[in-house]
Each structure stands twice: as structure tokens, then as C-alpha cells.
Amino acid sequence: LGQIYFDLRLPDYMSDLTVLIKTPG
């Protein structure tokens, strides 16, 4: 269950990275 939690957190970080990279400044 802990492994699943950490695995499924990765897409959320990917979304945050995408927003950060695409957002100017």
C-alpha cells in the first residue's frame, strides 16, 4: 500500500513540473 501511494504521487509531480516549466517566470 505504501508503494502504491508513492507510485501514484509521481503523476501529480509531473503535472506540477509541466505547469512550472510552461509558466513564464
PDB file of all heavy atoms in Angstrom:
ATOM      1  N   LEU A   1       0.838  -1.212   0.000  1.00  0.00           N
ATOM      2  CA  LEU A   1       0.000   0.000   0.000  1.00  0.00           C
ATOM      3  C   LEU A   1       0.869   1.256   0.000  1.00  0.00           C
ATOM      4  O   LEU A   1       0.564   2.233  -0.701  1.00  0.00           O
ATOM      5  CB  LEU A   1      -0.921  -0.014   1.219  1.00  0.00           C
ATOM      6  CG  LEU A   1      -2.009  -1.095   1.244  1.00  0.00           C
ATOM      7  CD1 LEU A   1      -2.796  -1.034   2.550  1.00  0.00           C
ATOM      8  CD2 LEU A   1      -2.949  -0.937   0.061  1.00  0.00           C
ATOM      9  N   GLY A   2       1.946   1.253   0.791  1.00  0.00           N
ATOM     10  CA  GLY A   2       2.860   2.387   0.779  1.00  0.00           C
ATOM     11  C   GLY A   2       3.524   2.567  -0.573  1.00  0.00           C
ATOM     12  O   GLY A   2       3.687   3.699  -1.059  1.00  0.00           O
ATOM     13  N   GLN A   3       3.878   1.454  -1.202  1.00  0.00           N
ATOM     14  CA  GLN A   3       4.490   1.515  -2.532  1.00  0.00           C
ATOM     15  C   GLN A   3       3.530   2.117  -3.548  1.00  0.00           C
ATOM     16  O   GLN A   3       3.916   2.947  -4.384  1.00  0.00           O
ATOM     17  CB  GLN A   3       4.907   0.107  -2.954  1.00  0.00           C
ATOM     18  CG  GLN A   3       5.673   0.053  -4.264  1.00  0.00           C
ATOM     19  CD  GLN A   3       5.994  -1.380  -4.651  1.00  0.00           C
ATOM     20  OE1 GLN A   3       5.780  -2.301  -3.878  1.00  0.00           O
ATOM     21  NE2 GLN A   3       6.496  -1.561  -5.862  1.00  0.00           N
ATOM     22  N   ILE A   4       2.269   1.727  -3.474  1.00  0.00           N
ATOM     23  CA  ILE A   4       1.259   2.269  -4.388  1.00  0.00           C
ATOM     24  C   ILE A   4       1.099   3.779  -4.179  1.00  0.00           C
ATOM     25  O   ILE A   4       0.999   4.552  -5.145  1.00  0.00           O
ATOM     26  CB  ILE A   4      -0.087   1.552  -4.179  1.00  0.00           C
ATOM     27  CG1 ILE A   4       0.018   0.083  -4.588  1.00  0.00           C
ATOM     28  CG2 ILE A   4      -1.194   2.224  -4.996  1.00  0.00           C
ATOM     29  CD1 ILE A   4      -1.212  -0.736  -4.228  1.00  0.00           C
ATOM     30  N   TYR A   5       1.115   4.182  -2.915  1.00  0.00           N
ATOM     31  CA  TYR A   5       0.951   5.613  -2.618  1.00  0.00           C
ATOM     32  C   TYR A   5       2.064   6.423  -3.285  1.00  0.00           C
ATOM     33  O   TYR A   5       1.794   7.445  -3.937  1.00  0.00           O
ATOM     34  CB  TYR A   5       0.964   5.828  -1.103  1.00  0.00           C
ATOM     35  CG  TYR A   5       1.040   7.284  -0.709  1.00  0.00           C
ATOM     36  CD1 TYR A   5      -0.092   8.102  -0.761  1.00  0.00           C
ATOM     37  CD2 TYR A   5       2.247   7.853  -0.299  1.00  0.00           C
ATOM     38  CE1 TYR A   5      -0.018   9.445  -0.415  1.00  0.00           C
ATOM     39  CE2 TYR A   5       2.330   9.183   0.044  1.00  0.00           C
ATOM     40  CZ  TYR A   5       1.197   9.975  -0.011  1.00  0.00           C
ATOM     41  OH  TYR A   5       1.276  11.313   0.331  1.00  0.00           O
ATOM     42  N   PHE A   6       3.302   5.986  -3.129  1.00  0.00           N
ATOM     43  CA  PHE A   6       4.418   6.730  -3.713  1.00  0.00           C
ATOM     44  C   PHE A   6       4.393   6.677  -5.242  1.00  0.00           C
ATOM     45  O   PHE A   6       4.737   7.663  -5.904  1.00  0.00           O
ATOM     46  CB  PHE A   6       5.745   6.184  -3.183  1.00  0.00           C
ATOM     47  CG  PHE A   6       6.012   6.542  -1.746  1.00  0.00           C
ATOM     48  CD1 PHE A   6       6.108   5.558  -0.778  1.00  0.00           C
ATOM     49  CD2 PHE A   6       6.161   7.865  -1.366  1.00  0.00           C
ATOM     50  CE1 PHE A   6       6.361   5.883   0.549  1.00  0.00           C
ATOM     51  CE2 PHE A   6       6.403   8.203  -0.041  1.00  0.00           C
ATOM     52  CZ  PHE A   6       6.497   7.206   0.920  1.00  0.00           C
ATOM     53  N   ASP A   7       3.994   5.542  -5.806  1.00  0.00           N
ATOM     54  CA  ASP A   7       3.925   5.435  -7.267  1.00  0.00           C
ATOM     55  C   ASP A   7       2.891   6.392  -7.849  1.00  0.00           C
ATOM     56  O   ASP A   7       3.121   7.033  -8.891  1.00  0.00           O
ATOM     57  CB  ASP A   7       3.581   4.001  -7.679  1.00  0.00           C
ATOM     58  CG  ASP A   7       4.765   3.060  -7.505  1.00  0.00           C
ATOM     59  OD1 ASP A   7       5.902   3.545  -7.399  1.00  0.00           O
ATOM     60  OD2 ASP A   7       4.548   1.823  -7.475  1.00  0.00           O
ATOM     61  N   LEU A   8       1.740   6.482  -7.181  1.00  0.00           N
ATOM     62  CA  LEU A   8       0.672   7.310  -7.717  1.00  0.00           C
ATOM     63  C   LEU A   8       0.846   8.797  -7.386  1.00  0.00           C
ATOM     64  O   LEU A   8       0.055   9.628  -7.850  1.00  0.00           O
ATOM     65  CB  LEU A   8      -0.684   6.815  -7.191  1.00  0.00           C
ATOM     66  CG  LEU A   8      -1.103   5.432  -7.695  1.00  0.00           C
ATOM     67  CD1 LEU A   8      -2.450   5.032  -7.118  1.00  0.00           C
ATOM     68  CD2 LEU A   8      -1.163   5.413  -9.222  1.00  0.00           C
ATOM     69  N   ARG A   9       1.844   9.126  -6.610  1.00  0.00           N
ATOM     70  CA  ARG A   9       2.161  10.535  -6.381  1.00  0.00           C
ATOM     71  C   ARG A   9       2.958  11.122  -7.539  1.00  0.00           C
ATOM     72  O   ARG A   9       2.942  12.336  -7.768  1.00  0.00           O
ATOM     73  CB  ARG A   9       2.978  10.672  -5.083  1.00  0.00           C
ATOM     74  CG  ARG A   9       2.174  10.521  -3.798  1.00  0.00           C
ATOM     75  CD  ARG A   9       1.329  11.744  -3.529  1.00  0.00           C
ATOM     76  NE  ARG A   9       2.180  12.921  -3.268  1.00  0.00           N
ATOM     77  CZ  ARG A   9       1.765  14.171  -3.349  1.00  0.00           C
ATOM     78  NH1 ARG A   9       0.524  14.424  -3.743  1.00  0.00           N
ATOM     79  NH2 ARG A   9       2.594  15.177  -3.079  1.00  0.00           N
ATOM     80  N   LEU A  10       3.642  10.269  -8.293  1.00  0.00           N
ATOM     81  CA  LEU A  10       4.521  10.752  -9.364  1.00  0.00           C
ATOM     82  C   LEU A  10       3.772  11.545 -10.442  1.00  0.00           C
ATOM     83  O   LEU A  10       4.267  12.591 -10.883  1.00  0.00           O
ATOM     84  CB  LEU A  10       5.271   9.577  -9.984  1.00  0.00           C
ATOM     85  CG  LEU A  10       6.289   8.883  -9.065  1.00  0.00           C
ATOM     86  CD1 LEU A  10       6.909   7.688  -9.777  1.00  0.00           C
ATOM     87  CD2 LEU A  10       7.372   9.863  -8.643  1.00  0.00           C
ATOM     88  N   PRO A  11       2.594  11.084 -10.927  1.00  0.00           N
ATOM     89  CA  PRO A  11       1.903  11.886 -11.953  1.00  0.00           C
ATOM     90  C   PRO A  11       1.528  13.288 -11.477  1.00  0.00           C
ATOM     91  O   PRO A  11       1.539  14.238 -12.281  1.00  0.00           O
ATOM     92  CB  PRO A  11       0.643  11.052 -12.253  1.00  0.00           C
ATOM     93  CG  PRO A  11       1.031   9.650 -11.905  1.00  0.00           C
ATOM     94  CD  PRO A  11       1.924   9.783 -10.725  1.00  0.00           C
ATOM     95  N   ASP A  12       1.206  13.434 -10.182  1.00  0.00           N
ATOM     96  CA  ASP A  12       0.892  14.768  -9.669  1.00  0.00           C
ATOM     97  C   ASP A  12       2.113  15.681  -9.746  1.00  0.00           C
ATOM     98  O   ASP A  12       2.013  16.870 -10.098  1.00  0.00           O
ATOM     99  CB  ASP A  12       0.402  14.675  -8.225  1.00  0.00           C
ATOM    100  CG  ASP A  12      -0.926  13.945  -8.114  1.00  0.00           C
ATOM    101  OD1 ASP A  12      -1.704  14.005  -9.094  1.00  0.00           O
ATOM    102  OD2 ASP A  12      -1.178  13.304  -7.074  1.00  0.00           O
ATOM    103  N   TYR A  13       3.278  15.132  -9.415  1.00  0.00           N
ATOM    104  CA  TYR A  13       4.515  15.922  -9.535  1.00  0.00           C
ATOM    105  C   TYR A  13       4.808  16.261 -10.998  1.00  0.00           C
ATOM    106  O   TYR A  13       5.316  17.352 -11.317  1.00  0.00           O
ATOM    107  CB  TYR A  13       5.690  15.155  -8.934  1.00  0.00           C
ATOM    108  CG  TYR A  13       5.678  15.130  -7.423  1.00  0.00           C
ATOM    109  CD1 TYR A  13       5.616  13.936  -6.727  1.00  0.00           C
ATOM    110  CD2 TYR A  13       5.747  16.308  -6.684  1.00  0.00           C
ATOM    111  CE1 TYR A  13       5.612  13.905  -5.339  1.00  0.00           C
ATOM    112  CE2 TYR A  13       5.742  16.293  -5.307  1.00  0.00           C
ATOM    113  CZ  TYR A  13       5.675  15.085  -4.629  1.00  0.00           C
ATOM    114  OH  TYR A  13       5.664  15.068  -3.262  1.00  0.00           O
ATOM    115  N   MET A  14       4.482  15.316 -11.910  1.00  0.00           N
ATOM    116  CA  MET A  14       4.668  15.580 -13.334  1.00  0.00           C
ATOM    117  C   MET A  14       3.792  16.743 -13.784  1.00  0.00           C
ATOM    118  O   MET A  14       4.210  17.604 -14.570  1.00  0.00           O
ATOM    119  CB  MET A  14       4.357  14.323 -14.152  1.00  0.00           C
ATOM    120  CG  MET A  14       5.388  13.209 -14.009  1.00  0.00           C
ATOM    121  SD  MET A  14       4.937  11.740 -14.947  1.00  0.00           S
ATOM    122  CE  MET A  14       4.886  12.424 -16.602  1.00  0.00           C
ATOM    123  N   SER A  15       2.573  16.766 -13.270  1.00  0.00           N
ATOM    124  CA  SER A  15       1.666  17.870 -13.609  1.00  0.00           C
ATOM    125  C   SER A  15       2.215  19.198 -13.089  1.00  0.00           C
ATOM    126  O   SER A  15       2.197  20.217 -13.803  1.00  0.00           O
ATOM    127  CB  SER A  15       0.280  17.607 -13.019  1.00  0.00           C
ATOM    128  OG  SER A  15      -0.585  18.685 -13.268  1.00  0.00           O
ATOM    129  N   ASP A  16       2.725  19.173 -11.846  1.00  0.00           N
ATOM    130  CA  ASP A  16       3.290  20.402 -11.282  1.00  0.00           C
ATOM    131  C   ASP A  16       4.505  20.861 -12.087  1.00  0.00           C
ATOM    132  O   ASP A  16       4.673  22.077 -12.341  1.00  0.00           O
ATOM    133  CB  ASP A  16       3.693  20.171  -9.824  1.00  0.00           C
ATOM    134  CG  ASP A  16       2.497  19.895  -8.924  1.00  0.00           C
ATOM    135  OD1 ASP A  16       1.369  20.254  -9.336  1.00  0.00           O
ATOM    136  OD2 ASP A  16       2.675  19.312  -7.839  1.00  0.00           O
ATOM    137  N   LEU A  17       5.360  19.913 -12.498  1.00  0.00           N
ATOM    138  CA  LEU A  17       6.525  20.272 -13.293  1.00  0.00           C
ATOM    139  C   LEU A  17       6.122  20.872 -14.632  1.00  0.00           C
ATOM    140  O   LEU A  17       6.712  21.857 -15.104  1.00  0.00           O
ATOM    141  CB  LEU A  17       7.408  19.035 -13.526  1.00  0.00           C
ATOM    142  CG  LEU A  17       8.422  18.698 -12.436  1.00  0.00           C
ATOM    143  CD1 LEU A  17       9.158  17.414 -12.790  1.00  0.00           C
ATOM    144  CD2 LEU A  17       9.416  19.846 -12.250  1.00  0.00           C
ATOM    145  N   THR A  18       5.103  20.286 -15.243  1.00  0.00           N
ATOM    146  CA  THR A  18       4.629  20.797 -16.538  1.00  0.00           C
ATOM    147  C   THR A  18       4.152  22.235 -16.411  1.00  0.00           C
ATOM    148  O   THR A  18       4.480  23.105 -17.240  1.00  0.00           O
ATOM    149  CB  THR A  18       3.497  19.902 -17.064  1.00  0.00           C
ATOM    150  OG1 THR A  18       3.962  18.556 -17.179  1.00  0.00           O
ATOM    151  CG2 THR A  18       3.014  20.386 -18.416  1.00  0.00           C
ATOM    152  N   VAL A  19       3.377  22.503 -15.360  1.00  0.00           N
ATOM    153  CA  VAL A  19       2.868  23.854 -15.142  1.00  0.00           C
ATOM    154  C   VAL A  19       4.019  24.821 -14.877  1.00  0.00           C
ATOM    155  O   VAL A  19       4.062  25.953 -15.408  1.00  0.00           O
ATOM    156  CB  VAL A  19       1.857  23.869 -13.984  1.00  0.00           C
ATOM    157  CG1 VAL A  19       1.459  25.316 -13.648  1.00  0.00           C
ATOM    158  CG2 VAL A  19       0.626  23.053 -14.344  1.00  0.00           C
ATOM    159  N   LEU A  20       4.997  24.386 -14.048  1.00  0.00           N
ATOM    160  CA  LEU A  20       6.126  25.257 -13.725  1.00  0.00           C
ATOM    161  C   LEU A  20       6.963  25.576 -14.964  1.00  0.00           C
ATOM    162  O   LEU A  20       7.399  26.717 -15.170  1.00  0.00           O
ATOM    163  CB  LEU A  20       7.010  24.604 -12.661  1.00  0.00           C
ATOM    164  CG  LEU A  20       6.463  24.573 -11.233  1.00  0.00           C
ATOM    165  CD1 LEU A  20       7.340  23.713 -10.341  1.00  0.00           C
ATOM    166  CD2 LEU A  20       6.361  25.992 -10.668  1.00  0.00           C
ATOM    167  N   ILE A  21       7.203  24.560 -15.782  1.00  0.00           N
ATOM    168  CA  ILE A  21       8.038  24.766 -16.971  1.00  0.00           C
ATOM    169  C   ILE A  21       7.333  25.660 -17.987  1.00  0.00           C
ATOM    170  O   ILE A  21       7.957  26.524 -18.632  1.00  0.00           O
ATOM    171  CB  ILE A  21       8.413  23.410 -17.600  1.00  0.00           C
ATOM    172  CG1 ILE A  21       9.344  22.637 -16.648  1.00  0.00           C
ATOM    173  CG2 ILE A  21       9.090  23.587 -18.955  1.00  0.00           C
ATOM    174  CD1 ILE A  21       9.604  21.217 -17.074  1.00  0.00           C
ATOM    175  N   LYS A  22       6.018  25.478 -18.148  1.00  0.00           N
ATOM    176  CA  LYS A  22       5.278  26.235 -19.149  1.00  0.00           C
ATOM    177  C   LYS A  22       4.914  27.643 -18.686  1.00  0.00           C
ATOM    178  O   LYS A  22       4.589  28.511 -19.501  1.00  0.00           O
ATOM    179  CB  LYS A  22       3.990  25.485 -19.528  1.00  0.00           C
ATOM    180  CG  LYS A  22       4.225  24.185 -20.278  1.00  0.00           C
ATOM    181  CD  LYS A  22       4.760  24.420 -21.674  1.00  0.00           C
ATOM    182  CE  LYS A  22       4.896  23.137 -22.467  1.00  0.00           C
ATOM    183  NZ  LYS A  22       5.421  23.402 -23.836  1.00  0.00           N
ATOM    184  N   THR A  23       4.964  27.865 -17.378  1.00  0.00           N
ATOM    185  CA  THR A  23       4.577  29.184 -16.852  1.00  0.00           C
ATOM    186  C   THR A  23       5.783  30.124 -16.855  1.00  0.00           C
ATOM    187  O   THR A  23       6.821  29.813 -16.264  1.00  0.00           O
ATOM    188  CB  THR A  23       4.038  29.059 -15.417  1.00  0.00           C
ATOM    189  OG1 THR A  23       2.924  28.162 -15.417  1.00  0.00           O
ATOM    190  CG2 THR A  23       3.602  30.424 -14.881  1.00  0.00           C
ATOM    191  N   PRO A  24       5.664  31.254 -17.545  1.00  0.00           N
ATOM    192  CA  PRO A  24       6.784  32.218 -17.573  1.00  0.00           C
ATOM    193  C   PRO A  24       7.100  32.733 -16.181  1.00  0.00           C
ATOM    194  O   PRO A  24       6.216  32.980 -15.371  1.00  0.00           O
ATOM    195  CB  PRO A  24       6.269  33.346 -18.471  1.00  0.00           C
ATOM    196  CG  PRO A  24       5.177  32.709 -19.287  1.00  0.00           C
ATOM    197  CD  PRO A  24       4.540  31.688 -18.399  1.00  0.00           C
ATOM    198  N   GLY A  25       8.386  32.882 -15.906  1.00  0.00           N
ATOM    199  CA  GLY A  25       8.811  33.460 -14.636  1.00  0.00           C
ATOM    200  C   GLY A  25       8.902  32.478 -13.490  1.00  0.00           C
ATOM    201  O   GLY A  25       9.099  32.900 -12.335  1.00  0.00           O
TER     202      GLY A  25
END
